[in-house]
Protein backbone atom coordinates (compact mmCIF):
# COMPACT_ATOMS: atom_id res chain seq x y z
CA MET A 1 4.15 -17.59 11.85
CA ASP A 2 3.39 -15.45 14.86
CA TYR A 3 1.31 -12.51 13.64
CA ASN A 4 1.85 -10.48 16.76
CA ASN A 5 4.24 -7.57 16.49
CA ASN A 6 7.43 -9.08 15.15
CA GLU A 7 10.27 -7.40 13.31
CA GLU A 8 9.66 -9.04 9.94
CA LEU A 9 5.98 -8.11 9.85
CA ASN A 10 6.72 -4.57 11.00
CA ALA A 11 9.32 -4.19 8.24
CA ILE A 12 6.76 -5.31 5.65
CA ARG A 13 4.19 -2.85 7.01
CA GLU A 14 6.68 0.01 6.88
CA GLY A 15 7.66 -0.88 3.32
CA VAL A 16 4.03 -0.90 2.20
CA ARG A 17 3.39 2.43 3.95
CA ALA A 18 6.41 3.99 2.25
CA LEU A 19 5.33 2.72 -1.16
CA CYS A 20 1.74 3.92 -0.69
CA ALA A 21 2.96 7.34 0.43
CA GLU A 22 4.45 7.87 -3.05
CA PHE A 23 0.91 8.14 -4.46
CA PRO A 24 -1.52 10.98 -3.76
CA ALA A 25 -4.70 10.33 -1.77
CA GLU A 26 -6.79 11.00 -4.91
CA TYR A 27 -5.15 8.01 -6.58
CA TRP A 28 -6.13 5.69 -3.73
CA ARG A 29 -9.67 7.10 -3.63
CA LYS A 30 -10.10 6.42 -7.34
CA ILE A 31 -8.80 2.86 -6.99
CA ASP A 32 -11.17 2.32 -4.05
CA GLU A 33 -14.20 3.81 -5.84
CA GLU A 34 -13.56 1.62 -8.88
CA ARG A 35 -12.95 -1.38 -6.63
CA GLY A 36 -9.80 -1.87 -8.62
CA PHE A 37 -6.23 -2.82 -7.95
CA PRO A 38 -3.11 -0.73 -8.41
CA ARG A 39 -1.17 -1.63 -11.52
CA PRO A 40 2.59 -1.17 -11.98
CA SER A 41 1.97 1.07 -14.99
CA SER A 42 -0.57 3.26 -13.20
CA ARG A 43 1.91 5.60 -11.59
CA PRO A 44 0.31 9.04 -11.08
């Protein structure tokens, strides 16, 4: 796979950005501080 800017990789990036934008910054800070991982049931 070519990891340079290709359409498939850009679509994945945009999807992840959109999903992450649904959560407040405080949520991501807490996950980072705890060195944890987001869980499907941990919706804010």
